[in-house]
Amino acid sequence: MTIFSTPPDSVLGGDVLPGNYWGLPGSSGQLGSSLPHPVIIGHVTIDHIAKELVSDIEHAPRLAILWGVIDGKNNEEKTSRMSIRHPPEFRHFLSVHMALQ
């Protein structure tokens, strides 16, 4: 049963206007994506409408865990040297890297 009318693939678009969102029922949830071939991810964003535009930001993201698969030792070393130029505004962010051998 779908609670929200916006489909889950809407999270891949750039439309962050009020009313265009994909919500999760309850206080936590997961979103997974499987791509047809390896890609280089340039950036990941998590958006929520500005708190000045809504009366309740209780459902705004508080904790994000980003999982990814890194192919090969060389790529693992490159990724470990990456820095976050624009850290997220929420307080908890964890990036977990896994290497395939």
N, C-alpha and C. Protein backbone atom coordinates (compact mmCIF):
# COMPACT_ATOMS: atom_id res chain seq x y z
N MET A 1 0.84 -1.18 0.00
CA MET A 1 0.00 0.00 0.00
C MET A 1 0.88 1.24 0.00
N THR A 2 0.64 2.16 -0.90
CA THR A 2 1.40 3.39 -0.97
C THR A 2 0.68 4.48 -0.18
N ILE A 3 1.41 5.10 0.71
CA ILE A 3 0.83 6.17 1.52
C ILE A 3 0.93 7.50 0.79
N PHE A 4 2.04 7.71 0.08
CA PHE A 4 2.27 8.97 -0.60
C PHE A 4 2.05 8.80 -2.10
N SER A 5 1.57 9.84 -2.74
CA SER A 5 1.24 9.73 -4.16
C SER A 5 2.46 9.88 -5.06
N THR A 6 3.55 10.41 -4.56
CA THR A 6 4.74 10.57 -5.37
C THR A 6 5.52 9.25 -5.36
N PRO A 7 5.87 8.72 -6.53
CA PRO A 7 6.56 7.43 -6.58
C PRO A 7 8.00 7.52 -6.05
N PRO A 8 8.56 6.39 -5.58
CA PRO A 8 9.91 6.39 -5.04
C PRO A 8 10.98 6.90 -6.00
N ASP A 9 10.81 6.69 -7.32
CA ASP A 9 11.84 7.16 -8.24
C ASP A 9 11.93 8.68 -8.31
N SER A 10 11.01 9.37 -7.66
CA SER A 10 11.07 10.84 -7.61
C SER A 10 12.30 11.31 -6.84
N VAL A 11 12.89 10.45 -6.00
CA VAL A 11 14.08 10.86 -5.25
C VAL A 11 15.28 11.07 -6.16
N LEU A 12 15.23 10.57 -7.37
CA LEU A 12 16.34 10.72 -8.30
C LEU A 12 16.27 12.02 -9.09
N GLY A 13 15.16 12.72 -9.01
CA GLY A 13 15.00 13.97 -9.74
C GLY A 13 15.45 15.16 -8.92
N GLY A 14 15.34 16.33 -9.51
CA GLY A 14 15.78 17.53 -8.83
C GLY A 14 14.66 18.43 -8.37
N ASP A 15 13.43 17.94 -8.38
CA ASP A 15 12.28 18.77 -8.02
C ASP A 15 12.10 18.79 -6.51
N VAL A 16 12.44 19.90 -5.88
CA VAL A 16 12.31 20.01 -4.42
C VAL A 16 11.26 21.06 -4.04
N LEU A 17 10.30 21.27 -4.91
CA LEU A 17 9.24 22.22 -4.61
C LEU A 17 8.29 21.63 -3.56
N PRO A 18 7.63 22.48 -2.79
CA PRO A 18 6.69 21.98 -1.78
C PRO A 18 5.65 21.05 -2.42
N GLY A 19 5.41 19.93 -1.76
CA GLY A 19 4.44 18.96 -2.25
C GLY A 19 5.03 17.89 -3.14
N ASN A 20 6.23 18.10 -3.65
CA ASN A 20 6.90 17.10 -4.49
C ASN A 20 7.98 16.40 -3.67
N TYR A 21 7.58 15.37 -3.00
CA TYR A 21 8.52 14.65 -2.15
C TYR A 21 8.11 13.19 -2.08
N TRP A 22 9.02 12.39 -1.62
CA TRP A 22 8.72 10.99 -1.35
C TRP A 22 8.96 10.78 0.13
N GLY A 23 7.90 10.59 0.87
CA GLY A 23 8.01 10.43 2.31
C GLY A 23 8.01 8.97 2.70
N LEU A 24 8.49 8.72 3.89
CA LEU A 24 8.51 7.38 4.44
C LEU A 24 7.57 7.34 5.63
N PRO A 25 6.75 6.31 5.73
CA PRO A 25 5.88 6.21 6.90
C PRO A 25 6.72 5.87 8.14
N GLY A 26 6.35 6.40 9.27
CA GLY A 26 7.08 6.12 10.50
C GLY A 26 8.27 7.03 10.69
N SER A 27 9.14 6.64 11.61
CA SER A 27 10.27 7.49 11.96
C SER A 27 11.58 7.08 11.29
N SER A 28 11.58 5.99 10.53
CA SER A 28 12.80 5.60 9.84
C SER A 28 12.45 4.81 8.58
N GLY A 29 13.41 4.69 7.71
CA GLY A 29 13.19 3.94 6.49
C GLY A 29 14.48 3.82 5.70
N GLN A 30 14.39 3.12 4.60
CA GLN A 30 15.55 2.91 3.75
C GLN A 30 15.16 3.12 2.30
N LEU A 31 16.13 3.53 1.53
CA LEU A 31 15.95 3.66 0.09
C LEU A 31 17.17 3.03 -0.56
N GLY A 32 16.96 2.10 -1.45
CA GLY A 32 18.06 1.45 -2.15
C GLY A 32 17.94 1.69 -3.64
N SER A 33 19.07 1.66 -4.31
CA SER A 33 19.09 1.83 -5.75
C SER A 33 20.12 0.87 -6.33
N SER A 34 19.75 0.19 -7.38
CA SER A 34 20.67 -0.71 -8.07
C SER A 34 20.83 -0.20 -9.49
N LEU A 35 22.04 0.13 -9.86
CA LEU A 35 22.31 0.68 -11.18
C LEU A 35 22.74 -0.44 -12.13
N PRO A 36 22.46 -0.31 -13.43
CA PRO A 36 22.75 -1.39 -14.37
C PRO A 36 24.23 -1.60 -14.65
N HIS A 37 25.07 -0.64 -14.32
CA HIS A 37 26.51 -0.77 -14.56
C HIS A 37 27.25 0.15 -13.58
N PRO A 38 28.55 -0.06 -13.39
CA PRO A 38 29.31 0.80 -12.46
C PRO A 38 29.28 2.26 -12.91
N VAL A 39 29.19 3.16 -11.95
CA VAL A 39 29.20 4.60 -12.24
C VAL A 39 30.11 5.30 -11.23
N ILE A 40 30.52 6.50 -11.57
CA ILE A 40 31.26 7.34 -10.64
C ILE A 40 30.27 8.34 -10.08
N ILE A 41 30.05 8.29 -8.78
CA ILE A 41 29.10 9.18 -8.13
C ILE A 41 29.80 10.51 -7.87
N GLY A 42 29.23 11.59 -8.39
CA GLY A 42 29.81 12.91 -8.19
C GLY A 42 29.39 13.55 -6.88
N HIS A 43 28.13 13.35 -6.50
CA HIS A 43 27.65 13.90 -5.24
C HIS A 43 26.32 13.26 -4.87
N VAL A 44 25.99 13.37 -3.61
CA VAL A 44 24.73 12.87 -3.08
C VAL A 44 24.14 13.99 -2.24
N THR A 45 22.87 14.29 -2.44
CA THR A 45 22.22 15.31 -1.62
C THR A 45 20.96 14.75 -0.99
N ILE A 46 20.65 15.28 0.16
CA ILE A 46 19.39 14.97 0.83
C ILE A 46 18.73 16.31 1.09
N ASP A 47 17.59 16.53 0.49
CA ASP A 47 16.92 17.82 0.58
C ASP A 47 15.67 17.75 1.44
N HIS A 48 15.36 18.86 2.04
CA HIS A 48 14.10 19.03 2.76
C HIS A 48 13.71 20.49 2.59
N ILE A 49 12.45 20.74 2.51
CA ILE A 49 11.97 22.10 2.34
C ILE A 49 12.50 22.98 3.47
N ALA A 50 12.78 24.23 3.18
CA ALA A 50 13.33 25.15 4.18
C ALA A 50 12.39 25.28 5.37
N LYS A 51 12.97 25.30 6.57
CA LYS A 51 12.14 25.36 7.78
C LYS A 51 11.31 26.64 7.85
N GLU A 52 11.72 27.68 7.14
CA GLU A 52 10.95 28.93 7.11
C GLU A 52 9.64 28.78 6.34
N LEU A 53 9.54 27.75 5.51
CA LEU A 53 8.36 27.57 4.67
C LEU A 53 7.34 26.59 5.23
N VAL A 54 7.68 25.91 6.31
CA VAL A 54 6.76 24.94 6.90
C VAL A 54 6.66 25.16 8.40
N SER A 55 5.55 24.72 8.95
CA SER A 55 5.36 24.89 10.39
C SER A 55 5.93 23.73 11.20
N ASP A 56 6.21 22.61 10.54
CA ASP A 56 6.69 21.43 11.25
C ASP A 56 7.80 20.77 10.45
N ILE A 57 9.00 20.71 11.02
CA ILE A 57 10.11 20.03 10.34
C ILE A 57 10.45 18.72 11.04
N GLU A 58 9.50 18.19 11.78
CA GLU A 58 9.72 16.95 12.52
C GLU A 58 10.12 15.79 11.61
N HIS A 59 9.66 15.80 10.38
CA HIS A 59 9.95 14.69 9.47
C HIS A 59 11.18 14.93 8.60
N ALA A 60 11.91 16.00 8.87
CA ALA A 60 13.15 16.26 8.13
C ALA A 60 14.19 15.20 8.48
N PRO A 61 15.06 14.85 7.53
CA PRO A 61 16.10 13.85 7.82
C PRO A 61 16.99 14.30 8.97
N ARG A 62 17.31 13.37 9.85
CA ARG A 62 18.19 13.66 10.99
C ARG A 62 19.50 12.87 10.91
N LEU A 63 19.42 11.68 10.37
CA LEU A 63 20.58 10.80 10.30
C LEU A 63 20.59 10.15 8.92
N ALA A 64 21.71 10.22 8.26
CA ALA A 64 21.84 9.59 6.95
C ALA A 64 23.05 8.67 6.96
N ILE A 65 22.87 7.49 6.45
CA ILE A 65 23.97 6.55 6.31
C ILE A 65 24.07 6.21 4.83
N LEU A 66 25.20 6.46 4.26
CA LEU A 66 25.42 6.22 2.84
C LEU A 66 26.30 4.99 2.67
N TRP A 67 25.75 3.98 2.00
CA TRP A 67 26.49 2.75 1.73
C TRP A 67 26.86 2.72 0.26
N GLY A 68 28.03 2.25 -0.02
CA GLY A 68 28.44 2.11 -1.41
C GLY A 68 29.44 0.99 -1.55
N VAL A 69 29.58 0.51 -2.74
CA VAL A 69 30.56 -0.53 -3.04
C VAL A 69 31.66 0.10 -3.86
N ILE A 70 32.88 -0.04 -3.40
CA ILE A 70 34.03 0.51 -4.10
C ILE A 70 34.81 -0.66 -4.68
N ASP A 71 35.04 -0.62 -5.97
CA ASP A 71 35.66 -1.73 -6.68
C ASP A 71 37.18 -1.57 -6.71
N GLY A 72 37.87 -2.42 -6.01
CA GLY A 72 39.33 -2.46 -6.09
C GLY A 72 40.05 -1.64 -5.04
N LYS A 73 41.23 -2.10 -4.67
CA LYS A 73 42.05 -1.45 -3.64
C LYS A 73 42.44 -0.03 -4.05
N ASN A 74 42.79 0.18 -5.32
CA ASN A 74 43.19 1.50 -5.79
C ASN A 74 42.06 2.51 -5.61
N ASN A 75 40.84 2.12 -5.96
CA ASN A 75 39.70 3.02 -5.79
C ASN A 75 39.38 3.24 -4.31
N GLU A 76 39.60 2.23 -3.49
CA GLU A 76 39.38 2.39 -2.05
C GLU A 76 40.32 3.45 -1.48
N GLU A 77 41.59 3.42 -1.90
CA GLU A 77 42.55 4.41 -1.42
C GLU A 77 42.19 5.81 -1.90
N LYS A 78 41.76 5.95 -3.15
CA LYS A 78 41.34 7.26 -3.66
C LYS A 78 40.17 7.81 -2.85
N THR A 79 39.21 6.96 -2.58
CA THR A 79 38.01 7.39 -1.85
C THR A 79 38.35 7.79 -0.42
N SER A 80 39.29 7.10 0.20
CA SER A 80 39.63 7.42 1.59
C SER A 80 40.27 8.79 1.70
N ARG A 81 40.81 9.33 0.61
CA ARG A 81 41.42 10.66 0.64
C ARG A 81 40.44 11.77 0.28
N MET A 82 39.23 11.42 -0.10
CA MET A 82 38.23 12.42 -0.47
C MET A 82 37.80 13.21 0.76
N SER A 83 37.45 14.46 0.56
CA SER A 83 36.94 15.26 1.67
C SER A 83 35.56 15.78 1.31
N ILE A 84 34.81 16.12 2.32
CA ILE A 84 33.49 16.71 2.11
C ILE A 84 33.67 18.22 2.07
N ARG A 85 33.43 18.82 0.92
CA ARG A 85 33.59 20.27 0.78
C ARG A 85 32.47 21.04 1.46
N HIS A 86 31.28 20.53 1.35
CA HIS A 86 30.11 21.19 1.93
C HIS A 86 29.43 20.19 2.85
N PRO A 87 29.87 20.12 4.10
CA PRO A 87 29.27 19.11 4.99
C PRO A 87 27.79 19.36 5.18
N PRO A 88 27.04 18.29 5.41
CA PRO A 88 25.60 18.43 5.61
C PRO A 88 25.28 19.26 6.85
N GLU A 89 24.12 19.87 6.85
CA GLU A 89 23.73 20.71 7.97
C GLU A 89 23.29 19.90 9.17
N PHE A 90 22.77 18.68 8.94
CA PHE A 90 22.39 17.90 10.10
C PHE A 90 23.66 17.32 10.73
N ARG A 91 23.57 16.93 11.97
CA ARG A 91 24.75 16.65 12.77
C ARG A 91 25.40 15.29 12.55
N HIS A 92 24.66 14.32 12.10
CA HIS A 92 25.21 12.97 12.00
C HIS A 92 25.30 12.54 10.54
N PHE A 93 26.47 12.20 10.11
CA PHE A 93 26.66 11.71 8.74
C PHE A 93 27.73 10.63 8.78
N LEU A 94 27.46 9.54 8.18
CA LEU A 94 28.40 8.43 8.18
C LEU A 94 28.51 7.88 6.78
N SER A 95 29.71 7.73 6.31
CA SER A 95 29.94 7.12 5.01
C SER A 95 30.67 5.81 5.23
N VAL A 96 30.10 4.75 4.75
CA VAL A 96 30.69 3.43 4.94
C VAL A 96 31.19 2.94 3.60
N HIS A 97 32.47 2.62 3.53
CA HIS A 97 33.07 2.16 2.28
C HIS A 97 33.39 0.67 2.39
N MET A 98 33.06 -0.06 1.36
CA MET A 98 33.37 -1.48 1.32
C MET A 98 34.17 -1.75 0.05
N ALA A 99 35.23 -2.49 0.17
CA ALA A 99 36.07 -2.80 -1.00
C ALA A 99 35.86 -4.24 -1.42
N LEU A 100 35.83 -4.44 -2.72
CA LEU A 100 35.76 -5.80 -3.27
C LEU A 100 37.16 -6.23 -3.66
N GLN A 101 37.49 -7.46 -3.36
CA GLN A 101 38.82 -7.94 -3.75
C GLN A 101 38.70 -9.10 -4.71
